[in-house]
Amino acid sequence: MPNRVPRRVGVATVFAVVAGAAFLGFLVLPMLGLLIRIPPGELLARLKNPLIVQALRLSVVTSLASAVAVFVLGLPLAYLLAMRAFPGKRLLEVLIDLPMVLPPTVAGVGLLLAFGRAGLAGRAAAAVGITIPFTTLAVVLAQMFVAGPFLINSARAGFEEVDPAYLRAAATLRASPGYAFFRVVLPMSLPSLIGGAAMTWARALGEFGATITFAGNLPGRTQTMPLAVYEALQSDLDAAIALSVILLVVSFSLLLALRSARITRPRVG
């Protein structure tokens, strides 16, 4: 047998491994610091605290409501961006992505000026007796604003991956656009839609800056888990750690389930 020449490890490979390990340690260390600080028994005991239960329930309910609202309202927009070319499309894409880079407190101020009593839309709402700021509805709107781009971008990517040949075949068979969407486009884009919905929910669950600016921090009404962590940090470090660990576990479980799920595109034809 011919002698095999040992493969040399280049400097670039060594640097990549060391740099990657250093950055991974940087990401893991804060999470590890949270997990080793509080015993599981104490964490379970903290879950019996009524304020924590209220904040957790409010976070779950509002984040799910905002994710559903974004899914229903954002899906048509994602489909339009994926399937149509029109003037101003690039500007629309920038506007959709803007909440992802906008400071959350700036988003909260913008929401307050738009939906406050003297705001652009708040004035009309106040005229019919609807007050939005510092209510649970304000929490949902803040979450929708910051989390919406995740669903739209993911859904758009999924729609763009659908082979146009399938749509042409559906048109040849005289399928209506609605039928083609629900029977061809939607099933084939399902992995991207589920992934986008999950990321939207996770982002809404962790929203803080826009929420505290627009909805306030009222226990049982607008105080979500991130806001409860902030308040507890002022007086009870152990409670803040317990709340942080709960959010960490929920987020980790959600992402792990998303990565582990094997959702394949259905075959057409």
C-alpha atoms as a PDB file:
ATOM      1  CA  MET A   1       0.000   0.000   0.000  1.00  0.00           C
ATOM      2  CA  PRO A   2       1.286   3.483  -0.788  1.00  0.00           C
ATOM      3  CA  ASN A   3       2.401   5.563   2.165  1.00  0.00           C
ATOM      4  CA  ARG A   4      -0.111   8.192   3.111  1.00  0.00           C
ATOM      5  CA  VAL A   5       1.215  11.697   3.515  1.00  0.00           C
ATOM      6  CA  PRO A   6       0.049  13.111   6.839  1.00  0.00           C
ATOM      7  CA  ARG A   7      -2.297  16.025   6.403  1.00  0.00           C
ATOM      8  CA  ARG A   8      -0.853  19.243   7.728  1.00  0.00           C
ATOM      9  CA  VAL A   9      -2.962  21.462   9.891  1.00  0.00           C
ATOM     10  CA  GLY A  10      -2.694  24.961   8.514  1.00  0.00           C
ATOM     11  CA  VAL A  11      -2.432  28.148  10.530  1.00  0.00           C
ATOM     12  CA  ALA A  12      -5.834  29.241   9.244  1.00  0.00           C
ATOM     13  CA  THR A  13      -7.452  26.039  10.546  1.00  0.00           C
ATOM     14  CA  VAL A  14      -5.877  26.454  13.975  1.00  0.00           C
ATOM     15  CA  PHE A  15      -6.999  30.079  14.127  1.00  0.00           C
ATOM     16  CA  ALA A  16     -10.540  29.128  13.081  1.00  0.00           C
ATOM     17  CA  VAL A  17     -10.770  26.454  15.794  1.00  0.00           C
ATOM     18  CA  VAL A  18      -9.347  28.690  18.528  1.00  0.00           C
ATOM     19  CA  ALA A  19     -11.451  31.699  17.530  1.00  0.00           C
ATOM     20  CA  GLY A  20     -14.587  29.559  17.244  1.00  0.00           C
ATOM     21  CA  ALA A  21     -13.989  27.962  20.644  1.00  0.00           C
ATOM     22  CA  ALA A  22     -13.371  31.372  22.228  1.00  0.00           C
ATOM     23  CA  PHE A  23     -16.561  32.816  20.799  1.00  0.00           C
ATOM     24  CA  LEU A  24     -18.566  29.731  21.782  1.00  0.00           C
ATOM     25  CA  GLY A  25     -17.240  30.087  25.324  1.00  0.00           C
ATOM     26  CA  PHE A  26     -18.253  33.741  25.272  1.00  0.00           C
ATOM     27  CA  LEU A  27     -21.820  32.730  24.338  1.00  0.00           C
ATOM     28  CA  VAL A  28     -22.097  29.847  26.797  1.00  0.00           C
ATOM     29  CA  LEU A  29     -20.510  31.489  29.855  1.00  0.00           C
ATOM     30  CA  PRO A  30     -23.376  33.910  30.690  1.00  0.00           C
ATOM     31  CA  MET A  31     -25.934  31.111  30.313  1.00  0.00           C
ATOM     32  CA  LEU A  32     -23.845  28.818  32.499  1.00  0.00           C
ATOM     33  CA  GLY A  33     -23.575  31.593  35.064  1.00  0.00           C
ATOM     34  CA  LEU A  34     -27.357  31.708  35.303  1.00  0.00           C
ATOM     35  CA  LEU A  35     -27.863  27.949  35.473  1.00  0.00           C
ATOM     36  CA  ILE A  36     -25.342  27.223  38.220  1.00  0.00           C
ATOM     37  CA  ARG A  37     -26.499  30.122  40.412  1.00  0.00           C
ATOM     38  CA  ILE A  38     -29.901  28.736  41.367  1.00  0.00           C
ATOM     39  CA  PRO A  39     -30.719  25.126  42.394  1.00  0.00           C
ATOM     40  CA  PRO A  40     -33.615  23.404  40.565  1.00  0.00           C
ATOM     41  CA  GLY A  41     -35.584  23.110  43.812  1.00  0.00           C
ATOM     42  CA  GLU A  42     -35.434  26.841  44.454  1.00  0.00           C
ATOM     43  CA  LEU A  43     -36.378  27.515  40.838  1.00  0.00           C
ATOM     44  CA  LEU A  44     -39.522  25.390  41.220  1.00  0.00           C
ATOM     45  CA  ALA A  45     -40.341  27.164  44.478  1.00  0.00           C
ATOM     46  CA  ARG A  46     -40.075  30.517  42.734  1.00  0.00           C
ATOM     47  CA  LEU A  47     -42.606  29.365  40.180  1.00  0.00           C
ATOM     48  CA  LYS A  48     -45.235  29.452  42.941  1.00  0.00           C
ATOM     49  CA  ASN A  49     -44.802  33.191  43.351  1.00  0.00           C
ATOM     50  CA  PRO A  50     -48.039  34.853  42.106  1.00  0.00           C
ATOM     51  CA  LEU A  51     -46.140  37.732  40.458  1.00  0.00           C
ATOM     52  CA  ILE A  52     -43.939  35.329  38.529  1.00  0.00           C
ATOM     53  CA  VAL A  53     -46.955  33.262  37.496  1.00  0.00           C
ATOM     54  CA  GLN A  54     -48.737  36.415  36.307  1.00  0.00           C
ATOM     55  CA  ALA A  55     -45.723  37.608  34.322  1.00  0.00           C
ATOM     56  CA  LEU A  56     -45.189  34.179  32.771  1.00  0.00           C
ATOM     57  CA  ARG A  57     -48.853  33.825  31.828  1.00  0.00           C
ATOM     58  CA  LEU A  58     -48.970  37.323  30.354  1.00  0.00           C
ATOM     59  CA  SER A  59     -45.781  36.690  28.374  1.00  0.00           C
ATOM     60  CA  VAL A  60     -47.093  33.445  26.897  1.00  0.00           C
ATOM     61  CA  VAL A  61     -50.530  34.853  26.045  1.00  0.00           C
ATOM     62  CA  THR A  62     -49.319  38.119  24.506  1.00  0.00           C
ATOM     63  CA  SER A  63     -46.429  36.556  22.583  1.00  0.00           C
ATOM     64  CA  LEU A  64     -48.713  33.893  21.110  1.00  0.00           C
ATOM     65  CA  ALA A  65     -51.318  36.531  20.228  1.00  0.00           C
ATOM     66  CA  SER A  66     -48.713  38.726  18.534  1.00  0.00           C
ATOM     67  CA  ALA A  67     -47.238  35.752  16.648  1.00  0.00           C
ATOM     68  CA  VAL A  68     -50.681  34.749  15.345  1.00  0.00           C
ATOM     69  CA  ALA A  69     -51.490  38.332  14.351  1.00  0.00           C
ATOM     70  CA  VAL A  70     -48.171  38.723  12.537  1.00  0.00           C
ATOM     71  CA  PHE A  71     -48.711  35.397  10.767  1.00  0.00           C
ATOM     72  CA  VAL A  72     -52.184  36.365   9.528  1.00  0.00           C
ATOM     73  CA  LEU A  73     -51.304  39.929   8.534  1.00  0.00           C
ATOM     74  CA  GLY A  74     -47.722  39.364   7.366  1.00  0.00           C
ATOM     75  CA  LEU A  75     -48.184  36.276   5.218  1.00  0.00           C
ATOM     76  CA  PRO A  76     -49.889  38.115   2.312  1.00  0.00           C
ATOM     77  CA  LEU A  77     -47.149  40.762   2.384  1.00  0.00           C
ATOM     78  CA  ALA A  78     -44.430  38.098   2.313  1.00  0.00           C
ATOM     79  CA  TYR A  79     -46.136  36.414  -0.639  1.00  0.00           C
ATOM     80  CA  LEU A  80     -46.387  39.731  -2.488  1.00  0.00           C
ATOM     81  CA  LEU A  81     -42.680  40.449  -1.971  1.00  0.00           C
ATOM     82  CA  ALA A  82     -41.711  36.964  -3.112  1.00  0.00           C
ATOM     83  CA  MET A  83     -43.891  36.681  -6.185  1.00  0.00           C
ATOM     84  CA  ARG A  84     -44.312  40.189  -7.557  1.00  0.00           C
ATOM     85  CA  ALA A  85     -42.084  42.986  -8.837  1.00  0.00           C
ATOM     86  CA  PHE A  86     -43.412  46.527  -8.395  1.00  0.00           C
ATOM     87  CA  PRO A  87     -42.127  50.088  -8.001  1.00  0.00           C
ATOM     88  CA  GLY A  88     -40.943  50.869  -4.483  1.00  0.00           C
ATOM     89  CA  LYS A  89     -40.334  47.232  -3.580  1.00  0.00           C
ATOM     90  CA  ARG A  90     -36.806  47.922  -2.287  1.00  0.00           C
ATOM     91  CA  LEU A  91     -38.112  50.721  -0.064  1.00  0.00           C
ATOM     92  CA  LEU A  92     -40.822  48.438   1.302  1.00  0.00           C
ATOM     93  CA  GLU A  93     -38.213  45.786   2.124  1.00  0.00           C
ATOM     94  CA  VAL A  94     -36.170  48.360   4.047  1.00  0.00           C
ATOM     95  CA  LEU A  95     -39.226  49.493   6.007  1.00  0.00           C
ATOM     96  CA  ILE A  96     -40.029  45.896   6.957  1.00  0.00           C
ATOM     97  CA  ASP A  97     -36.467  45.210   8.127  1.00  0.00           C
ATOM     98  CA  LEU A  98     -36.109  48.511   9.999  1.00  0.00           C
ATOM     99  CA  PRO A  99     -37.607  47.287  13.328  1.00  0.00           C
ATOM    100  CA  MET A 100     -34.832  44.676  13.554  1.00  0.00           C
ATOM    101  CA  VAL A 101     -32.104  47.355  13.711  1.00  0.00           C
ATOM    102  CA  LEU A 102     -34.073  50.152  15.352  1.00  0.00           C
ATOM    103  CA  PRO A 103     -33.315  50.644  19.077  1.00  0.00           C
ATOM    104  CA  PRO A 104     -36.279  49.142  20.990  1.00  0.00           C
ATOM    105  CA  THR A 105     -36.823  52.298  23.029  1.00  0.00           C
ATOM    106  CA  VAL A 106     -37.072  54.308  19.806  1.00  0.00           C
ATOM    107  CA  ALA A 107     -39.666  51.811  18.599  1.00  0.00           C
ATOM    108  CA  GLY A 108     -41.578  52.298  21.849  1.00  0.00           C
ATOM    109  CA  VAL A 109     -41.540  56.086  21.487  1.00  0.00           C
ATOM    110  CA  GLY A 110     -42.741  55.754  17.895  1.00  0.00           C
ATOM    111  CA  LEU A 111     -45.579  53.468  18.969  1.00  0.00           C
ATOM    112  CA  LEU A 112     -46.527  55.912  21.713  1.00  0.00           C
ATOM    113  CA  LEU A 113     -46.644  58.810  19.252  1.00  0.00           C
ATOM    114  CA  ALA A 114     -48.663  56.730  16.781  1.00  0.00           C
ATOM    115  CA  PHE A 115     -51.148  55.101  19.153  1.00  0.00           C
ATOM    116  CA  GLY A 116     -51.195  57.528  22.092  1.00  0.00           C
ATOM    117  CA  ARG A 117     -54.223  59.698  22.769  1.00  0.00           C
ATOM    118  CA  ALA A 118     -52.799  62.485  20.607  1.00  0.00           C
ATOM    119  CA  GLY A 119     -51.146  60.101  18.141  1.00  0.00           C
ATOM    120  CA  LEU A 120     -51.862  59.531  14.484  1.00  0.00           C
ATOM    121  CA  ALA A 121     -54.045  56.458  15.077  1.00  0.00           C
ATOM    122  CA  GLY A 122     -54.573  56.872  18.819  1.00  0.00           C
ATOM    123  CA  ARG A 123     -56.688  59.970  18.335  1.00  0.00           C
ATOM    124  CA  ALA A 124     -59.193  58.033  16.260  1.00  0.00           C
ATOM    125  CA  ALA A 125     -59.155  55.161  18.766  1.00  0.00           C
ATOM    126  CA  ALA A 126     -59.697  57.555  21.672  1.00  0.00           C
ATOM    127  CA  ALA A 127     -62.677  59.072  19.842  1.00  0.00           C
ATOM    128  CA  VAL A 128     -64.495  55.727  20.128  1.00  0.00           C
ATOM    129  CA  GLY A 129     -63.374  55.151  23.707  1.00  0.00           C
ATOM    130  CA  ILE A 130     -60.352  52.884  23.050  1.00  0.00           C
ATOM    131  CA  THR A 131     -57.158  53.549  24.987  1.00  0.00           C
ATOM    132  CA  ILE A 132     -54.103  51.645  23.793  1.00  0.00           C
ATOM    133  CA  PRO A 133     -50.953  52.781  25.673  1.00  0.00           C
ATOM    134  CA  PHE A 134     -50.231  51.072  28.996  1.00  0.00           C
ATOM    135  CA  THR A 135     -52.655  48.238  28.306  1.00  0.00           C
ATOM    136  CA  THR A 136     -52.218  44.582  27.421  1.00  0.00           C
ATOM    137  CA  LEU A 137     -53.055  45.470  23.825  1.00  0.00           C
ATOM    138  CA  ALA A 138     -50.052  47.794  23.830  1.00  0.00           C
ATOM    139  CA  VAL A 139     -47.854  44.836  24.818  1.00  0.00           C
ATOM    140  CA  VAL A 140     -49.131  42.844  21.836  1.00  0.00           C
ATOM    141  CA  LEU A 141     -48.583  45.760  19.437  1.00  0.00           C
ATOM    142  CA  ALA A 142     -45.032  46.318  20.696  1.00  0.00           C
ATOM    143  CA  GLN A 143     -44.246  42.626  20.236  1.00  0.00           C
ATOM    144  CA  MET A 144     -45.747  42.634  16.753  1.00  0.00           C
ATOM    145  CA  PHE A 145     -43.663  45.638  15.734  1.00  0.00           C
ATOM    146  CA  VAL A 146     -40.306  44.178  16.735  1.00  0.00           C
ATOM    147  CA  ALA A 147     -41.010  40.527  15.843  1.00  0.00           C
ATOM    148  CA  GLY A 148     -42.899  40.926  12.571  1.00  0.00           C
ATOM    149  CA  PRO A 149     -39.849  41.081  10.266  1.00  0.00           C
ATOM    150  CA  PHE A 150     -38.732  37.606  11.361  1.00  0.00           C
ATOM    151  CA  LEU A 151     -41.913  35.998  10.033  1.00  0.00           C
ATOM    152  CA  ILE A 152     -42.081  38.061   6.846  1.00  0.00           C
ATOM    153  CA  ASN A 153     -38.462  37.429   5.859  1.00  0.00           C
ATOM    154  CA  SER A 154     -38.631  33.714   6.616  1.00  0.00           C
ATOM    155  CA  ALA A 155     -41.940  33.263   4.793  1.00  0.00           C
ATOM    156  CA  ARG A 156     -40.683  35.247   1.821  1.00  0.00           C
ATOM    157  CA  ALA A 157     -37.597  33.026   1.569  1.00  0.00           C
ATOM    158  CA  GLY A 158     -39.826  29.951   1.666  1.00  0.00           C
ATOM    159  CA  PHE A 159     -42.111  31.280  -1.064  1.00  0.00           C
ATOM    160  CA  GLU A 160     -39.146  32.154  -3.275  1.00  0.00           C
ATOM    161  CA  GLU A 161     -37.862  28.572  -3.068  1.00  0.00           C
ATOM    162  CA  VAL A 162     -41.025  27.163  -4.661  1.00  0.00           C
ATOM    163  CA  ASP A 163     -40.233  26.067  -8.204  1.00  0.00           C
ATOM    164  CA  PRO A 164     -42.271  28.236 -10.632  1.00  0.00           C
ATOM    165  CA  ALA A 165     -42.801  25.113 -12.745  1.00  0.00           C
ATOM    166  CA  TYR A 166     -45.296  23.870 -10.167  1.00  0.00           C
ATOM    167  CA  LEU A 167     -47.274  27.100 -10.396  1.00  0.00           C
ATOM    168  CA  ARG A 168     -47.261  26.933 -14.186  1.00  0.00           C
ATOM    169  CA  ALA A 169     -48.505  23.347 -13.983  1.00  0.00           C
ATOM    170  CA  ALA A 170     -51.291  24.423 -11.628  1.00  0.00           C
ATOM    171  CA  ALA A 171     -52.265  27.228 -14.017  1.00  0.00           C
ATOM    172  CA  THR A 172     -52.289  24.758 -16.903  1.00  0.00           C
ATOM    173  CA  LEU A 173     -54.751  22.648 -14.933  1.00  0.00           C
ATOM    174  CA  ARG A 174     -56.889  25.793 -14.519  1.00  0.00           C
ATOM    175  CA  ALA A 175     -56.303  26.043 -10.794  1.00  0.00           C
ATOM    176  CA  SER A 176     -57.278  29.397  -9.334  1.00  0.00           C
ATOM    177  CA  PRO A 177     -54.535  31.495  -7.665  1.00  0.00           C
ATOM    178  CA  GLY A 178     -56.081  30.795  -4.267  1.00  0.00           C
ATOM    179  CA  TYR A 179     -56.173  27.036  -4.895  1.00  0.00           C
ATOM    180  CA  ALA A 180     -52.564  27.073  -6.121  1.00  0.00           C
ATOM    181  CA  PHE A 181     -51.490  28.993  -3.028  1.00  0.00           C
ATOM    182  CA  PHE A 182     -53.140  26.664  -0.503  1.00  0.00           C
ATOM    183  CA  ARG A 183     -52.391  23.392  -2.330  1.00  0.00           C
ATOM    184  CA  VAL A 184     -48.953  24.093  -3.823  1.00  0.00           C
ATOM    185  CA  VAL A 185     -47.173  27.163  -2.421  1.00  0.00           C
ATOM    186  CA  LEU A 186     -48.228  26.874   1.218  1.00  0.00           C
ATOM    187  CA  PRO A 187     -47.364  23.155   1.710  1.00  0.00           C
ATOM    188  CA  MET A 188     -43.993  23.532  -0.015  1.00  0.00           C
ATOM    189  CA  SER A 189     -43.133  26.580   2.105  1.00  0.00           C
ATOM    190  CA  LEU A 190     -44.240  24.997   5.373  1.00  0.00           C
ATOM    191  CA  PRO A 191     -40.752  24.527   6.910  1.00  0.00           C
ATOM    192  CA  SER A 192     -39.927  28.205   6.427  1.00  0.00           C
ATOM    193  CA  LEU A 193     -43.322  29.292   7.721  1.00  0.00           C
ATOM    194  CA  ILE A 194     -43.031  27.191  10.871  1.00  0.00           C
ATOM    195  CA  GLY A 195     -39.486  28.361  11.453  1.00  0.00           C
ATOM    196  CA  GLY A 196     -40.462  31.992  10.968  1.00  0.00           C
ATOM    197  CA  ALA A 197     -43.462  31.660  13.275  1.00  0.00           C
ATOM    198  CA  ALA A 198     -41.313  30.076  15.978  1.00  0.00           C
ATOM    199  CA  MET A 199     -38.668  32.799  15.727  1.00  0.00           C
ATOM    200  CA  THR A 200     -41.390  35.455  15.796  1.00  0.00           C
ATOM    201  CA  TRP A 201     -42.826  33.954  18.969  1.00  0.00           C
ATOM    202  CA  ALA A 202     -39.374  33.700  20.575  1.00  0.00           C
ATOM    203  CA  ARG A 203     -38.579  37.330  19.725  1.00  0.00           C
ATOM    204  CA  ALA A 204     -41.934  38.485  21.066  1.00  0.00           C
ATOM    205  CA  LEU A 205     -41.400  36.487  24.251  1.00  0.00           C
ATOM    206  CA  GLY A 206     -38.151  38.325  24.946  1.00  0.00           C
ATOM    207  CA  GLU A 207     -39.261  41.821  23.960  1.00  0.00           C
ATOM    208  CA  PHE A 208     -38.396  44.502  26.534  1.00  0.00           C
ATOM    209  CA  GLY A 209     -37.506  48.005  25.323  1.00  0.00           C
ATOM    210  CA  ALA A 210     -40.517  48.854  23.183  1.00  0.00           C
ATOM    211  CA  THR A 211     -42.854  47.232  25.711  1.00  0.00           C
ATOM    212  CA  ILE A 212     -41.698  49.185  28.761  1.00  0.00           C
ATOM    213  CA  THR A 213     -41.779  52.451  26.786  1.00  0.00           C
ATOM    214  CA  PHE A 214     -45.177  51.953  25.162  1.00  0.00           C
ATOM    215  CA  ALA A 215     -47.023  49.672  27.602  1.00  0.00           C
ATOM    216  CA  GLY A 216     -45.336  50.416  30.919  1.00  0.00           C
ATOM    217  CA  ASN A 217     -44.560  47.919  33.668  1.00  0.00           C
ATOM    218  CA  LEU A 218     -47.850  47.213  35.428  1.00  0.00           C
ATOM    219  CA  PRO A 219     -47.994  43.842  37.276  1.00  0.00           C
ATOM    220  CA  GLY A 220     -50.754  41.602  35.949  1.00  0.00           C
ATOM    221  CA  ARG A 221     -51.489  43.974  33.079  1.00  0.00           C
ATOM    222  CA  THR A 222     -48.356  44.807  31.092  1.00  0.00           C
ATOM    223  CA  GLN A 223     -45.515  43.271  33.113  1.00  0.00           C
ATOM    224  CA  THR A 224     -44.118  40.473  30.979  1.00  0.00           C
ATOM    225  CA  MET A 225     -41.245  38.209  32.010  1.00  0.00           C
ATOM    226  CA  PRO A 226     -38.424  40.478  30.719  1.00  0.00           C
ATOM    227  CA  LEU A 227     -39.965  43.435  32.558  1.00  0.00           C
ATOM    228  CA  ALA A 228     -40.335  41.349  35.708  1.00  0.00           C
ATOM    229  CA  VAL A 229     -36.612  40.478  35.469  1.00  0.00           C
ATOM    230  CA  TYR A 230     -35.767  44.177  35.224  1.00  0.00           C
ATOM    231  CA  GLU A 231     -37.894  45.061  38.254  1.00  0.00           C
ATOM    232  CA  ALA A 232     -36.642  42.149  40.349  1.00  0.00           C
ATOM    233  CA  LEU A 233     -33.063  43.117  39.559  1.00  0.00           C
ATOM    234  CA  GLN A 234     -33.570  46.313  41.543  1.00  0.00           C
ATOM    235  CA  SER A 235     -34.408  44.567  44.825  1.00  0.00           C
ATOM    236  CA  ASP A 236     -34.260  40.766  44.627  1.00  0.00           C
ATOM    237  CA  LEU A 237     -31.323  39.348  42.669  1.00  0.00           C
ATOM    238  CA  ASP A 238     -32.367  35.717  43.277  1.00  0.00           C
ATOM    239  CA  ALA A 239     -35.832  36.396  41.835  1.00  0.00           C
ATOM    240  CA  ALA A 240     -34.254  38.080  38.803  1.00  0.00           C
ATOM    241  CA  ILE A 241     -32.005  35.051  38.294  1.00  0.00           C
ATOM    242  CA  ALA A 242     -34.948  32.649  38.609  1.00  0.00           C
ATOM    243  CA  LEU A 243     -36.970  34.606  36.041  1.00  0.00           C
ATOM    244  CA  SER A 244     -33.974  34.751  33.709  1.00  0.00           C
ATOM    245  CA  VAL A 245     -33.444  30.991  33.957  1.00  0.00           C
ATOM    246  CA  ILE A 246     -37.118  30.358  33.157  1.00  0.00           C
ATOM    247  CA  LEU A 247     -36.867  32.530  30.047  1.00  0.00           C
ATOM    248  CA  LEU A 248     -33.595  30.847  29.097  1.00  0.00           C
ATOM    249  CA  VAL A 249     -35.092  27.367  29.424  1.00  0.00           C
ATOM    250  CA  VAL A 250     -38.199  28.300  27.434  1.00  0.00           C
ATOM    251  CA  SER A 251     -36.172  29.905  24.637  1.00  0.00           C
ATOM    252  CA  PHE A 252     -33.666  27.041  24.521  1.00  0.00           C
ATOM    253  CA  SER A 253     -36.438  24.435  24.410  1.00  0.00           C
ATOM    254  CA  LEU A 254     -38.190  26.280  21.608  1.00  0.00           C
ATOM    255  CA  LEU A 255     -35.052  26.562  19.475  1.00  0.00           C
ATOM    256  CA  LEU A 256     -34.031  22.971  20.181  1.00  0.00           C
ATOM    257  CA  ALA A 257     -37.454  21.699  19.140  1.00  0.00           C
ATOM    258  CA  LEU A 258     -37.259  23.813  16.004  1.00  0.00           C
ATOM    259  CA  ARG A 259     -33.813  22.483  15.067  1.00  0.00           C
ATOM    260  CA  SER A 260     -34.755  18.892  15.867  1.00  0.00           C
ATOM    261  CA  ALA A 261     -38.004  18.863  13.894  1.00  0.00           C
ATOM    262  CA  ARG A 262     -37.543  17.191  10.525  1.00  0.00           C
ATOM    263  CA  ILE A 263     -40.090  18.942   8.321  1.00  0.00           C
ATOM    264  CA  THR A 264     -39.607  18.088   4.663  1.00  0.00           C
ATOM    265  CA  ARG A 265     -41.204  19.646   1.648  1.00  0.00           C
ATOM    266  CA  PRO A 266     -44.013  17.529   0.221  1.00  0.00           C
ATOM    267  CA  ARG A 267     -43.608  16.113  -3.219  1.00  0.00           C
ATOM    268  CA  VAL A 268     -45.842  17.514  -5.894  1.00  0.00           C
ATOM    269  CA  GLY A 269     -46.989  15.221  -8.652  1.00  0.00           C
END
